[in-house]
Amino acid sequence: MKPGGISIHAVDVASGRPAEGLAVRLLRMDGTGAETLAEGRCGPTGLFDHPTVTGEGITEGRYVAQFMVGTFYAAHGLHGSAPGFLDEVSFQFRVTDVRQHYHLPFKFTAWGYSLFRGGL
């Protein structure tokens, strides 16, 4: 049985473009803390390309997806030298069936976001 995986697609809805360069981290939570499964940046289409997309390392349990929104907007000069409203967005969720695919569409601006389990 091949696991379904976890995919992430990020879009900066303020500009209407994929969030190329957005830093993302995927953690698996256990009773003692968190293990980093994936860390990197979204590509030109806004997709976070990592082996976890195809199920590598994914087991049943609790997860956290972290998005470095403040750093993303600072790199694009949105706020100049002033900090933006959102800094780091953390989304906690549970994988209950590793055969299913868990797609996380992350739509955001510097002031708010929408994140849910979507379909591919």
PDB file of N, CA and C in Angstrom:
ATOM      1  N   MET A   1       0.851  -1.186   0.000  1.00  0.00           N
ATOM      2  CA  MET A   1       0.000   0.000   0.000  1.00  0.00           C
ATOM      3  C   MET A   1       0.889   1.240   0.000  1.00  0.00           C
ATOM      4  N   LYS A   2       0.720   2.138  -0.962  1.00  0.00           N
ATOM      5  CA  LYS A   2       1.483   3.375  -1.042  1.00  0.00           C
ATOM      6  C   LYS A   2       0.683   4.490  -0.380  1.00  0.00           C
ATOM      7  N   PRO A   3       1.308   5.190   0.558  1.00  0.00           N
ATOM      8  CA  PRO A   3       0.608   6.302   1.222  1.00  0.00           C
ATOM      9  C   PRO A   3       0.216   7.399   0.251  1.00  0.00           C
ATOM     10  N   GLY A   4      -0.824   8.146   0.612  1.00  0.00           N
ATOM     11  CA  GLY A   4      -1.335   9.216  -0.231  1.00  0.00           C
ATOM     12  C   GLY A   4      -0.535  10.486  -0.206  1.00  0.00           C
ATOM     13  N   GLY A   5       0.069  10.832   0.919  1.00  0.00           N
ATOM     14  CA  GLY A   5       0.908  12.023   0.998  1.00  0.00           C
ATOM     15  C   GLY A   5       0.182  13.288   1.410  1.00  0.00           C
ATOM     16  N   ILE A   6       0.989  14.332   1.564  1.00  0.00           N
ATOM     17  CA  ILE A   6       0.505  15.659   1.936  1.00  0.00           C
ATOM     18  C   ILE A   6       1.082  16.646   0.929  1.00  0.00           C
ATOM     19  N   SER A   7       0.202  17.376   0.240  1.00  0.00           N
ATOM     20  CA  SER A   7       0.666  18.403  -0.693  1.00  0.00           C
ATOM     21  C   SER A   7       0.204  19.770  -0.228  1.00  0.00           C
ATOM     22  N   ILE A   8       0.979  20.792  -0.605  1.00  0.00           N
ATOM     23  CA  ILE A   8       0.695  22.171  -0.218  1.00  0.00           C
ATOM     24  C   ILE A   8       0.780  23.036  -1.470  1.00  0.00           C
ATOM     25  N   HIS A   9      -0.232  23.877  -1.660  1.00  0.00           N
ATOM     26  CA  HIS A   9      -0.232  24.846  -2.758  1.00  0.00           C
ATOM     27  C   HIS A   9      -0.544  26.215  -2.164  1.00  0.00           C
ATOM     28  N   ALA A  10       0.385  27.149  -2.306  1.00  0.00           N
ATOM     29  CA  ALA A  10       0.244  28.476  -1.699  1.00  0.00           C
ATOM     30  C   ALA A  10       0.059  29.547  -2.766  1.00  0.00           C
ATOM     31  N   VAL A  11      -0.938  30.421  -2.538  1.00  0.00           N
ATOM     32  CA  VAL A  11      -1.221  31.518  -3.450  1.00  0.00           C
ATOM     33  C   VAL A  11      -1.336  32.816  -2.649  1.00  0.00           C
ATOM     34  N   ASP A  12      -0.598  33.831  -3.095  1.00  0.00           N
ATOM     35  CA  ASP A  12      -0.698  35.179  -2.537  1.00  0.00           C
ATOM     36  C   ASP A  12      -1.896  35.835  -3.227  1.00  0.00           C
ATOM     37  N   VAL A  13      -3.045  35.811  -2.579  1.00  0.00           N
ATOM     38  CA  VAL A  13      -4.251  36.322  -3.225  1.00  0.00           C
ATOM     39  C   VAL A  13      -4.255  37.840  -3.342  1.00  0.00           C
ATOM     40  N   ALA A  14      -3.424  38.527  -2.566  1.00  0.00           N
ATOM     41  CA  ALA A  14      -3.326  39.982  -2.700  1.00  0.00           C
ATOM     42  C   ALA A  14      -2.766  40.359  -4.062  1.00  0.00           C
ATOM     43  N   SER A  15      -1.827  39.568  -4.569  1.00  0.00           N
ATOM     44  CA  SER A  15      -1.241  39.840  -5.885  1.00  0.00           C
ATOM     45  C   SER A  15      -1.867  38.970  -6.970  1.00  0.00           C
ATOM     46  N   GLY A  16      -2.591  37.920  -6.557  1.00  0.00           N
ATOM     47  CA  GLY A  16      -3.186  37.005  -7.521  1.00  0.00           C
ATOM     48  C   GLY A  16      -2.177  36.061  -8.147  1.00  0.00           C
ATOM     49  N   ARG A  17      -1.051  35.821  -7.450  1.00  0.00           N
ATOM     50  CA  ARG A  17       0.014  34.975  -8.011  1.00  0.00           C
ATOM     51  C   ARG A  17       0.374  33.832  -7.065  1.00  0.00           C
ATOM     52  N   PRO A  18       0.929  32.755  -7.639  1.00  0.00           N
ATOM     53  CA  PRO A  18       1.468  31.693  -6.790  1.00  0.00           C
ATOM     54  C   PRO A  18       2.550  32.272  -5.877  1.00  0.00           C
ATOM     55  N   ALA A  19       2.664  31.702  -4.684  1.00  0.00           N
ATOM     56  CA  ALA A  19       3.587  32.226  -3.669  1.00  0.00           C
ATOM     57  C   ALA A  19       4.988  31.632  -3.836  1.00  0.00           C
ATOM     58  N   GLU A  20       5.599  31.887  -4.986  1.00  0.00           N
ATOM     59  CA  GLU A  20       6.955  31.390  -5.225  1.00  0.00           C
ATOM     60  C   GLU A  20       7.902  31.959  -4.176  1.00  0.00           C
ATOM     61  N   GLY A  21       8.660  31.074  -3.533  1.00  0.00           N
ATOM     62  CA  GLY A  21       9.631  31.488  -2.525  1.00  0.00           C
ATOM     63  C   GLY A  21       9.116  31.462  -1.091  1.00  0.00           C
ATOM     64  N   LEU A  22       7.821  31.213  -0.891  1.00  0.00           N
ATOM     65  CA  LEU A  22       7.283  31.141   0.477  1.00  0.00           C
ATOM     66  C   LEU A  22       7.928  29.978   1.211  1.00  0.00           C
ATOM     67  N   ALA A  23       8.512  30.244   2.382  1.00  0.00           N
ATOM     68  CA  ALA A  23       9.125  29.192   3.193  1.00  0.00           C
ATOM     69  C   ALA A  23       8.038  28.404   3.915  1.00  0.00           C
ATOM     70  N   VAL A  24       8.187  27.069   3.870  1.00  0.00           N
ATOM     71  CA  VAL A  24       7.208  26.144   4.449  1.00  0.00           C
ATOM     72  C   VAL A  24       7.951  25.095   5.268  1.00  0.00           C
ATOM     73  N   ARG A  25       7.327  24.676   6.344  1.00  0.00           N
ATOM     74  CA  ARG A  25       7.861  23.588   7.166  1.00  0.00           C
ATOM     75  C   ARG A  25       6.700  22.658   7.513  1.00  0.00           C
ATOM     76  N   LEU A  26       6.919  21.357   7.402  1.00  0.00           N
ATOM     77  CA  LEU A  26       5.918  20.358   7.771  1.00  0.00           C
ATOM     78  C   LEU A  26       6.471  19.537   8.924  1.00  0.00           C
ATOM     79  N   LEU A  27       5.738  19.516  10.037  1.00  0.00           N
ATOM     80  CA  LEU A  27       6.160  18.820  11.253  1.00  0.00           C
ATOM     81  C   LEU A  27       5.189  17.703  11.584  1.00  0.00           C
ATOM     82  N   ARG A  28       5.705  16.610  12.140  1.00  0.00           N
ATOM     83  CA  ARG A  28       4.869  15.558  12.700  1.00  0.00           C
ATOM     84  C   ARG A  28       4.978  15.682  14.216  1.00  0.00           C
ATOM     85  N   MET A  29       3.858  15.714  14.889  1.00  0.00           N
ATOM     86  CA  MET A  29       3.826  15.856  16.344  1.00  0.00           C
ATOM     87  C   MET A  29       3.771  14.478  16.987  1.00  0.00           C
ATOM     88  N   ASP A  30       4.487  14.328  18.100  1.00  0.00           N
ATOM     89  CA  ASP A  30       4.371  13.097  18.884  1.00  0.00           C
ATOM     90  C   ASP A  30       4.246  13.500  20.348  1.00  0.00           C
ATOM     91  N   GLY A  31       4.251  12.550  21.228  1.00  0.00           N
ATOM     92  CA  GLY A  31       4.053  12.832  22.652  1.00  0.00           C
ATOM     93  C   GLY A  31       5.138  13.685  23.279  1.00  0.00           C
ATOM     94  N   THR A  32       6.297  13.781  22.661  1.00  0.00           N
ATOM     95  CA  THR A  32       7.408  14.525  23.262  1.00  0.00           C
ATOM     96  C   THR A  32       7.769  15.807  22.527  1.00  0.00           C
ATOM     97  N   GLY A  33       7.170  16.053  21.374  1.00  0.00           N
ATOM     98  CA  GLY A  33       7.514  17.256  20.625  1.00  0.00           C
ATOM     99  C   GLY A  33       7.176  17.118  19.155  1.00  0.00           C
ATOM    100  N   ALA A  34       8.057  17.685  18.320  1.00  0.00           N
ATOM    101  CA  ALA A  34       7.803  17.703  16.884  1.00  0.00           C
ATOM    102  C   ALA A  34       9.035  17.256  16.119  1.00  0.00           C
ATOM    103  N   GLU A  35       8.782  16.569  15.010  1.00  0.00           N
ATOM    104  CA  GLU A  35       9.846  16.142  14.102  1.00  0.00           C
ATOM    105  C   GLU A  35       9.630  16.859  12.769  1.00  0.00           C
ATOM    106  N   THR A  36      10.659  17.529  12.267  1.00  0.00           N
ATOM    107  CA  THR A  36      10.558  18.183  10.966  1.00  0.00           C
ATOM    108  C   THR A  36      10.646  17.132   9.866  1.00  0.00           C
ATOM    109  N   LEU A  37       9.580  17.035   9.064  1.00  0.00           N
ATOM    110  CA  LEU A  37       9.545  16.093   7.944  1.00  0.00           C
ATOM    111  C   LEU A  37       9.984  16.752   6.646  1.00  0.00           C
ATOM    112  N   ALA A  38       9.650  18.019   6.486  1.00  0.00           N
ATOM    113  CA  ALA A  38       9.946  18.724   5.249  1.00  0.00           C
ATOM    114  C   ALA A  38      10.152  20.199   5.546  1.00  0.00           C
ATOM    115  N   GLU A  39      11.080  20.798   4.807  1.00  0.00           N
ATOM    116  CA  GLU A  39      11.343  22.222   4.967  1.00  0.00           C
ATOM    117  C   GLU A  39      11.903  22.741   3.655  1.00  0.00           C
ATOM    118  N   GLY A  40      11.404  23.871   3.208  1.00  0.00           N
ATOM    119  CA  GLY A  40      11.879  24.439   1.962  1.00  0.00           C
ATOM    120  C   GLY A  40      10.996  25.587   1.519  1.00  0.00           C
ATOM    121  N   ARG A  41      11.012  25.852   0.208  1.00  0.00           N
ATOM    122  CA  ARG A  41      10.258  26.973  -0.359  1.00  0.00           C
ATOM    123  C   ARG A  41       9.353  26.485  -1.490  1.00  0.00           C
ATOM    124  N   CYS A  42       8.254  27.182  -1.664  1.00  0.00           N
ATOM    125  CA  CYS A  42       7.340  26.886  -2.754  1.00  0.00           C
ATOM    126  C   CYS A  42       7.979  27.281  -4.079  1.00  0.00           C
ATOM    127  N   GLY A  43       7.705  26.497  -5.102  1.00  0.00           N
ATOM    128  CA  GLY A  43       8.244  26.748  -6.429  1.00  0.00           C
ATOM    129  C   GLY A  43       7.427  27.765  -7.207  1.00  0.00           C
ATOM    130  N   PRO A  44       7.736  27.935  -8.489  1.00  0.00           N
ATOM    131  CA  PRO A  44       7.091  28.951  -9.331  1.00  0.00           C
ATOM    132  C   PRO A  44       5.575  28.806  -9.453  1.00  0.00           C
ATOM    133  N   THR A  45       5.042  27.604  -9.287  1.00  0.00           N
ATOM    134  CA  THR A  45       3.588  27.399  -9.367  1.00  0.00           C
ATOM    135  C   THR A  45       2.921  27.482  -7.994  1.00  0.00           C
ATOM    136  N   GLY A  46       3.719  27.754  -6.940  1.00  0.00           N
ATOM    137  CA  GLY A  46       3.185  27.817  -5.587  1.00  0.00           C
ATOM    138  C   GLY A  46       3.120  26.473  -4.894  1.00  0.00           C
ATOM    139  N   LEU A  47       3.578  25.419  -5.565  1.00  0.00           N
ATOM    140  CA  LEU A  47       3.571  24.087  -4.957  1.00  0.00           C
ATOM    141  C   LEU A  47       4.838  23.873  -4.134  1.00  0.00           C
ATOM    142  N   PHE A  48       4.664  23.223  -2.999  1.00  0.00           N
ATOM    143  CA  PHE A  48       5.778  22.825  -2.143  1.00  0.00           C
ATOM    144  C   PHE A  48       6.173  21.421  -2.573  1.00  0.00           C
ATOM    145  N   ASP A  49       7.293  21.299  -3.247  1.00  0.00           N
ATOM    146  CA  ASP A  49       7.723  20.027  -3.815  1.00  0.00           C
ATOM    147  C   ASP A  49       8.677  19.325  -2.854  1.00  0.00           C
ATOM    148  N   HIS A  50       8.217  18.246  -2.282  1.00  0.00           N
ATOM    149  CA  HIS A  50       8.997  17.475  -1.323  1.00  0.00           C
ATOM    150  C   HIS A  50       8.487  16.041  -1.364  1.00  0.00           C
ATOM    151  N   PRO A  51       9.314  15.031  -1.029  1.00  0.00           N
ATOM    152  CA  PRO A  51       8.842  13.630  -1.060  1.00  0.00           C
ATOM    153  C   PRO A  51       7.614  13.339  -0.203  1.00  0.00           C
ATOM    154  N   THR A  52       7.293  14.193   0.766  1.00  0.00           N
ATOM    155  CA  THR A  52       6.080  13.976   1.561  1.00  0.00           C
ATOM    156  C   THR A  52       4.824  14.076   0.693  1.00  0.00           C
ATOM    157  N   VAL A  53       4.929  14.726  -0.464  1.00  0.00           N
ATOM    158  CA  VAL A  53       3.795  14.838  -1.384  1.00  0.00           C
ATOM    159  C   VAL A  53       3.348  13.458  -1.852  1.00  0.00           C
ATOM    160  N   THR A  54       4.300  12.560  -2.035  1.00  0.00           N
ATOM    161  CA  THR A  54       3.955  11.209  -2.486  1.00  0.00           C
ATOM    162  C   THR A  54       3.853  10.217  -1.332  1.00  0.00           C
ATOM    163  N   GLY A  55       3.900  10.714  -0.100  1.00  0.00           N
ATOM    164  CA  GLY A  55       3.676   9.861   1.054  1.00  0.00           C
ATOM    165  C   GLY A  55       4.910   9.487   1.844  1.00  0.00           C
ATOM    166  N   GLU A  56       6.090   9.897   1.407  1.00  0.00           N
ATOM    167  CA  GLU A  56       7.311   9.527   2.139  1.00  0.00           C
ATOM    168  C   GLU A  56       7.283  10.097   3.555  1.00  0.00           C
ATOM    169  N   GLY A  57       7.408   9.209   4.532  1.00  0.00           N
ATOM    170  CA  GLY A  57       7.447   9.609   5.934  1.00  0.00           C
ATOM    171  C   GLY A  57       6.107   9.898   6.575  1.00  0.00           C
ATOM    172  N   ILE A  58       5.011   9.766   5.834  1.00  0.00           N
ATOM    173  CA  ILE A  58       3.690  10.097   6.370  1.00  0.00           C
ATOM    174  C   ILE A  58       3.083   8.873   7.060  1.00  0.00           C
ATOM    175  N   THR A  59       2.703   9.066   8.305  1.00  0.00           N
ATOM    176  CA  THR A  59       2.033   8.044   9.108  1.00  0.00           C
ATOM    177  C   THR A  59       0.771   8.668   9.704  1.00  0.00           C
ATOM    178  N   GLU A  60      -0.068   7.853  10.303  1.00  0.00           N
ATOM    179  CA  GLU A  60      -1.234   8.413  10.993  1.00  0.00           C
ATOM    180  C   GLU A  60      -0.745   9.248  12.170  1.00  0.00           C
ATOM    181  N   GLY A  61      -1.445  10.341  12.445  1.00  0.00           N
ATOM    182  CA  GLY A  61      -1.082  11.178  13.584  1.00  0.00           C
ATOM    183  C   GLY A  61      -1.310  12.659  13.336  1.00  0.00           C
ATOM    184  N   ARG A  62      -0.759  13.459  14.238  1.00  0.00           N
ATOM    185  CA  ARG A  62      -0.931  14.919  14.198  1.00  0.00           C
ATOM    186  C   ARG A  62       0.233  15.572  13.457  1.00  0.00           C
ATOM    187  N   TYR A  63      -0.103  16.619  12.692  1.00  0.00           N
ATOM    188  CA  TYR A  63       0.869  17.355  11.885  1.00  0.00           C
ATOM    189  C   TYR A  63       0.659  18.850  12.052  1.00  0.00           C
ATOM    190  N   VAL A  64       1.699  19.606  11.740  1.00  0.00           N
ATOM    191  CA  VAL A  64       1.618  21.060  11.701  1.00  0.00           C
ATOM    192  C   VAL A  64       2.300  21.524  10.418  1.00  0.00           C
ATOM    193  N   ALA A  65       1.600  22.330   9.644  1.00  0.00           N
ATOM    194  CA  ALA A  65       2.188  23.000   8.485  1.00  0.00           C
ATOM    195  C   ALA A  65       2.447  24.444   8.905  1.00  0.00           C
ATOM    196  N   GLN A  66       3.673  24.910   8.715  1.00  0.00           N
ATOM    197  CA  GLN A  66       4.044  26.281   9.087  1.00  0.00           C
ATOM    198  C   GLN A  66       4.410  27.061   7.833  1.00  0.00           C
ATOM    199  N   PHE A  67       3.915  28.294   7.765  1.00  0.00           N
ATOM    200  CA  PHE A  67       4.128  29.164   6.610  1.00  0.00           C
ATOM    201  C   PHE A  67       4.725  30.483   7.095  1.00  0.00           C
ATOM    202  N   MET A  68       5.858  30.886   6.544  1.00  0.00           N
ATOM    203  CA  MET A  68       6.569  32.094   6.967  1.00  0.00           C
ATOM    204  C   MET A  68       6.096  33.294   6.136  1.00  0.00           C
ATOM    205  N   VAL A  69       4.886  33.738   6.411  1.00  0.00           N
ATOM    206  CA  VAL A  69       4.243  34.798   5.646  1.00  0.00           C
ATOM    207  C   VAL A  69       4.967  36.137   5.821  1.00  0.00           C
ATOM    208  N   GLY A  70       5.343  36.474   7.043  1.00  0.00           N
ATOM    209  CA  GLY A  70       6.021  37.746   7.299  1.00  0.00           C
ATOM    210  C   GLY A  70       7.316  37.864   6.515  1.00  0.00           C
ATOM    211  N   THR A  71       8.095  36.809   6.500  1.00  0.00           N
ATOM    212  CA  THR A  71       9.360  36.799   5.759  1.00  0.00           C
ATOM    213  C   THR A  71       9.099  36.912   4.258  1.00  0.00           C
ATOM    214  N   PHE A  72       8.051  36.249   3.775  1.00  0.00           N
ATOM    215  CA  PHE A  72       7.690  36.311   2.359  1.00  0.00           C
ATOM    216  C   PHE A  72       7.400  37.746   1.939  1.00  0.00           C
ATOM    217  N   TYR A  73       6.547  38.442   2.699  1.00  0.00           N
ATOM    218  CA  TYR A  73       6.193  39.809   2.330  1.00  0.00           C
ATOM    219  C   TYR A  73       7.346  40.782   2.550  1.00  0.00           C
ATOM    220  N   ALA A  74       8.166  40.549   3.569  1.00  0.00           N
ATOM    221  CA  ALA A  74       9.339  41.410   3.779  1.00  0.00           C
ATOM    222  C   ALA A  74      10.288  41.306   2.586  1.00  0.00           C
ATOM    223  N   ALA A  75      10.453  40.092   2.050  1.00  0.00           N
ATOM    224  CA  ALA A  75      11.331  39.887   0.896  1.00  0.00           C
ATOM    225  C   ALA A  75      10.789  40.581  -0.353  1.00  0.00           C
ATOM    226  N   HIS A  76       9.471  40.789  -0.405  1.00  0.00           N
ATOM    227  CA  HIS A  76       8.850  41.447  -1.554  1.00  0.00           C
ATOM    228  C   HIS A  76       8.631  42.937  -1.306  1.00  0.00           C
ATOM    229  N   GLY A  77       9.102  43.444  -0.158  1.00  0.00           N
ATOM    230  CA  GLY A  77       9.031  44.868   0.131  1.00  0.00           C
ATOM    231  C   GLY A  77       7.649  45.418   0.375  1.00  0.00           C
ATOM    232  N   LEU A  78       6.699  44.572   0.775  1.00  0.00           N
ATOM    233  CA  LEU A  78       5.332  45.043   0.966  1.00  0.00           C
ATOM    234  C   LEU A  78       5.213  46.075   2.080  1.00  0.00           C
ATOM    235  N   HIS A  79       5.915  45.876   3.160  1.00  0.00           N
ATOM    236  CA  HIS A  79       5.769  46.750   4.323  1.00  0.00           C
ATOM    237  C   HIS A  79       6.952  47.692   4.524  1.00  0.00           C
ATOM    238  N   GLY A  80       7.887  47.714   3.607  1.00  0.00           N
ATOM    239  CA  GLY A  80       9.082  48.532   3.816  1.00  0.00           C
ATOM    240  C   GLY A  80       9.833  48.009   5.027  1.00  0.00           C
ATOM    241  N   SER A  81      10.145  48.888   5.966  1.00  0.00           N
ATOM    242  CA  SER A  81      10.861  48.449   7.162  1.00  0.00           C
ATOM    243  C   SER A  81       9.929  48.089   8.316  1.00  0.00           C
ATOM    244  N   ALA A  82       8.611  48.339   8.149  1.00  0.00           N
ATOM    245  CA  ALA A  82       7.651  48.025   9.212  1.00  0.00           C
ATOM    246  C   ALA A  82       7.239  46.562   9.128  1.00  0.00           C
ATOM    247  N   PRO A  83       7.063  45.896  10.265  1.00  0.00           N
ATOM    248  CA  PRO A  83       6.607  44.504  10.225  1.00  0.00           C
ATOM    249  C   PRO A  83       5.150  44.428   9.774  1.00  0.00           C
ATOM    250  N   GLY A  84       4.816  43.344   9.085  1.00  0.00           N
ATOM    251  CA  GLY A  84       3.441  43.130   8.650  1.00  0.00           C
ATOM    252  C   GLY A  84       2.597  42.561   9.783  1.00  0.00           C
ATOM    253  N   PHE A  85       1.333  42.346   9.515  1.00  0.00           N
ATOM    254  CA  PHE A  85       0.421  41.812  10.524  1.00  0.00           C
ATOM    255  C   PHE A  85       0.688  40.331  10.794  1.00  0.00           C
ATOM    256  N   LEU A  86       0.654  39.494   9.750  1.00  0.00           N
ATOM    257  CA  LEU A  86       0.931  38.067   9.931  1.00  0.00           C
ATOM    258  C   LEU A  86       2.438  37.828   9.914  1.00  0.00           C
ATOM    259  N   ASP A  87       2.870  36.942  10.783  1.00  0.00           N
ATOM    260  CA  ASP A  87       4.287  36.570  10.796  1.00  0.00           C
ATOM    261  C   ASP A  87       4.415  35.124  10.339  1.00  0.00           C
ATOM    262  N   GLU A  88       4.123  34.197  11.245  1.00  0.00           N
ATOM    263  CA  GLU A  88       4.170  32.778  10.919  1.00  0.00           C
ATOM    264  C   GLU A  88       2.789  32.186  11.144  1.00  0.00           C
ATOM    265  N   VAL A  89       2.266  31.494  10.138  1.00  0.00           N
ATOM    266  CA  VAL A  89       0.970  30.828  10.243  1.00  0.00           C
ATOM    267  C   VAL A  89       1.225  29.348  10.474  1.00  0.00           C
ATOM    268  N   SER A  90       0.624  28.800  11.527  1.00  0.00           N
ATOM    269  CA  SER A  90       0.725  27.369  11.833  1.00  0.00           C
ATOM    270  C   SER A  90      -0.662  26.750  11.742  1.00  0.00           C
ATOM    271  N   PHE A  91      -0.751  25.636  11.029  1.00  0.00           N
ATOM    272  CA  PHE A  91      -2.020  24.937  10.823  1.00  0.00           C
ATOM    273  C   PHE A  91      -1.859  23.508  11.307  1.00  0.00           C
ATOM    274  N   GLN A  92      -2.627  23.137  12.338  1.00  0.00           N
ATOM    275  CA  GLN A  92      -2.551  21.791  12.898  1.00  0.00           C
ATOM    276  C   GLN A  92      -3.664  20.935  12.319  1.00  0.00           C
ATOM    277  N   PHE A  93      -3.306  19.716  11.946  1.00  0.00           N
ATOM    278  CA  PHE A  93      -4.293  18.806  11.375  1.00  0.00           C
ATOM    279  C   PHE A  93      -3.894  17.368  11.691  1.00  0.00           C
ATOM    280  N   ARG A  94      -4.789  16.454  11.375  1.00  0.00           N
ATOM    281  CA  ARG A  94      -4.572  15.046  11.687  1.00  0.00           C
ATOM    282  C   ARG A  94      -4.705  14.205  10.420  1.00  0.00           C
ATOM    283  N   VAL A  95      -3.782  13.276  10.235  1.00  0.00           N
ATOM    284  CA  VAL A  95      -3.862  12.270   9.173  1.00  0.00           C
ATOM    285  C   VAL A  95      -4.433  11.013   9.814  1.00  0.00           C
ATOM    286  N   THR A  96      -5.589  10.578   9.328  1.00  0.00           N
ATOM    287  CA  THR A  96      -6.251   9.400   9.908  1.00  0.00           C
ATOM    288  C   THR A  96      -6.202   8.185   8.990  1.00  0.00           C
ATOM    289  N   ASP A  97      -5.898   8.416   7.712  1.00  0.00           N
ATOM    290  CA  ASP A  97      -5.843   7.319   6.746  1.00  0.00           C
ATOM    291  C   ASP A  97      -4.724   7.617   5.754  1.00  0.00           C
ATOM    292  N   VAL A  98      -3.594   6.942   5.889  1.00  0.00           N
ATOM    293  CA  VAL A  98      -2.424   7.224   5.051  1.00  0.00           C
ATOM    294  C   VAL A  98      -2.638   6.849   3.583  1.00  0.00           C
ATOM    295  N   ARG A  99      -3.712   6.136   3.262  1.00  0.00           N
ATOM    296  CA  ARG A  99      -4.020   5.823   1.866  1.00  0.00           C
ATOM    297  C   ARG A  99      -4.613   7.020   1.136  1.00  0.00           C
ATOM    298  N   GLN A 100      -5.175   7.956   1.902  1.00  0.00           N
ATOM    299  CA  GLN A 100      -5.772   9.148   1.307  1.00  0.00           C
ATOM    300  C   GLN A 100      -4.704  10.225   1.117  1.00  0.00           C
ATOM    301  N   HIS A 101      -4.957  11.113   0.151  1.00  0.00           N
ATOM    302  CA  HIS A 101      -4.068  12.254  -0.049  1.00  0.00           C
ATOM    303  C   HIS A 101      -4.648  13.454   0.700  1.00  0.00           C
ATOM    304  N   TYR A 102      -3.788  14.202   1.364  1.00  0.00           N
ATOM    305  CA  TYR A 102      -4.186  15.381   2.123  1.00  0.00           C
ATOM    306  C   TYR A 102      -3.599  16.599   1.414  1.00  0.00           C
ATOM    307  N   HIS A 103      -4.476  17.353   0.740  1.00  0.00           N
ATOM    308  CA  HIS A 103      -4.037  18.539   0.010  1.00  0.00           C
ATOM    309  C   HIS A 103      -4.403  19.780   0.818  1.00  0.00           C
ATOM    310  N   LEU A 104      -3.433  20.667   1.024  1.00  0.00           N
ATOM    311  CA  LEU A 104      -3.640  21.885   1.804  1.00  0.00           C
ATOM    312  C   LEU A 104      -3.474  23.109   0.911  1.00  0.00           C
ATOM    313  N   PRO A 105      -4.575  23.684   0.410  1.00  0.00           N
ATOM    314  CA  PRO A 105      -4.485  24.930  -0.344  1.00  0.00           C
ATOM    315  C   PRO A 105      -4.403  26.102   0.643  1.00  0.00           C
ATOM    316  N   PHE A 106      -3.319  26.847   0.578  1.00  0.00           N
ATOM    317  CA  PHE A 106      -3.071  27.979   1.480  1.00  0.00           C
ATOM    318  C   PHE A 106      -3.209  29.264   0.676  1.00  0.00           C
ATOM    319  N   LYS A 107      -4.275  30.008   0.932  1.00  0.00           N
ATOM    320  CA  LYS A 107      -4.544  31.280   0.254  1.00  0.00           C
ATOM    321  C   LYS A 107      -4.355  32.381   1.295  1.00  0.00           C
ATOM    322  N   PHE A 108      -3.538  33.393   0.983  1.00  0.00           N
ATOM    323  CA  PHE A 108      -3.203  34.366   2.026  1.00  0.00           C
ATOM    324  C   PHE A 108      -2.936  35.762   1.472  1.00  0.00           C
ATOM    325  N   THR A 109      -3.012  36.714   2.390  1.00  0.00           N
ATOM    326  CA  THR A 109      -2.545  38.080   2.194  1.00  0.00           C
ATOM    327  C   THR A 109      -1.663  38.374   3.404  1.00  0.00           C
ATOM    328  N   ALA A 110      -1.193  39.591   3.530  1.00  0.00           N
ATOM    329  CA  ALA A 110      -0.397  39.960   4.704  1.00  0.00           C
ATOM    330  C   ALA A 110      -1.268  40.084   5.955  1.00  0.00           C
ATOM    331  N   TRP A 111      -2.594  40.082   5.772  1.00  0.00           N
ATOM    332  CA  TRP A 111      -3.503  40.335   6.890  1.00  0.00           C
ATOM    333  C   TRP A 111      -4.399  39.166   7.260  1.00  0.00           C
ATOM    334  N   GLY A 112      -4.452  38.143   6.458  1.00  0.00           N
ATOM    335  CA  GLY A 112      -5.320  37.009   6.765  1.00  0.00           C
ATOM    336  C   GLY A 112      -5.046  35.839   5.820  1.00  0.00           C
ATOM    337  N   TYR A 113      -5.697  34.717   6.099  1.00  0.00           N
ATOM    338  CA  TYR A 113      -5.472  33.516   5.279  1.00  0.00           C
ATOM    339  C   TYR A 113      -6.663  32.575   5.351  1.00  0.00           C
ATOM    340  N   SER A 114      -6.683  31.646   4.398  1.00  0.00           N
ATOM    341  CA  SER A 114      -7.639  30.559   4.372  1.00  0.00           C
ATOM    342  C   SER A 114      -6.833  29.289   4.122  1.00  0.00           C
ATOM    343  N   LEU A 115      -7.109  28.268   4.906  1.00  0.00           N
ATOM    344  CA  LEU A 115      -6.384  27.003   4.783  1.00  0.00           C
ATOM    345  C   LEU A 115      -7.331  25.882   5.183  1.00  0.00           C
ATOM    346  N   PHE A 116      -7.426  24.866   4.343  1.00  0.00           N
ATOM    347  CA  PHE A 116      -8.375  23.789   4.578  1.00  0.00           C
ATOM    348  C   PHE A 116      -7.883  22.548   3.847  1.00  0.00           C
ATOM    349  N   ARG A 117      -8.545  21.434   4.077  1.00  0.00           N
ATOM    350  CA  ARG A 117      -8.230  20.235   3.320  1.00  0.00           C
ATOM    351  C   ARG A 117      -9.014  20.289   2.021  1.00  0.00           C
ATOM    352  N   GLY A 118      -8.303  20.357   0.935  1.00  0.00           N
ATOM    353  CA  GLY A 118      -8.923  20.437  -0.374  1.00  0.00           C
ATOM    354  C   GLY A 118      -8.769  19.141  -1.137  1.00  0.00           C
ATOM    355  N   GLY A 119      -9.187  19.137  -2.370  1.00  0.00           N
ATOM    356  CA  GLY A 119      -9.020  18.006  -3.255  1.00  0.00           C
ATOM    357  C   GLY A 119      -8.022  18.343  -4.328  1.00  0.00           C
ATOM    358  N   LEU A 120      -7.461  17.322  -4.913  1.00  0.00           N
ATOM    359  CA  LEU A 120      -6.495  17.561  -5.998  1.00  0.00           C
ATOM    360  C   LEU A 120      -7.180  17.585  -7.329  1.00  0.00           C
TER     361      LEU A 120
END
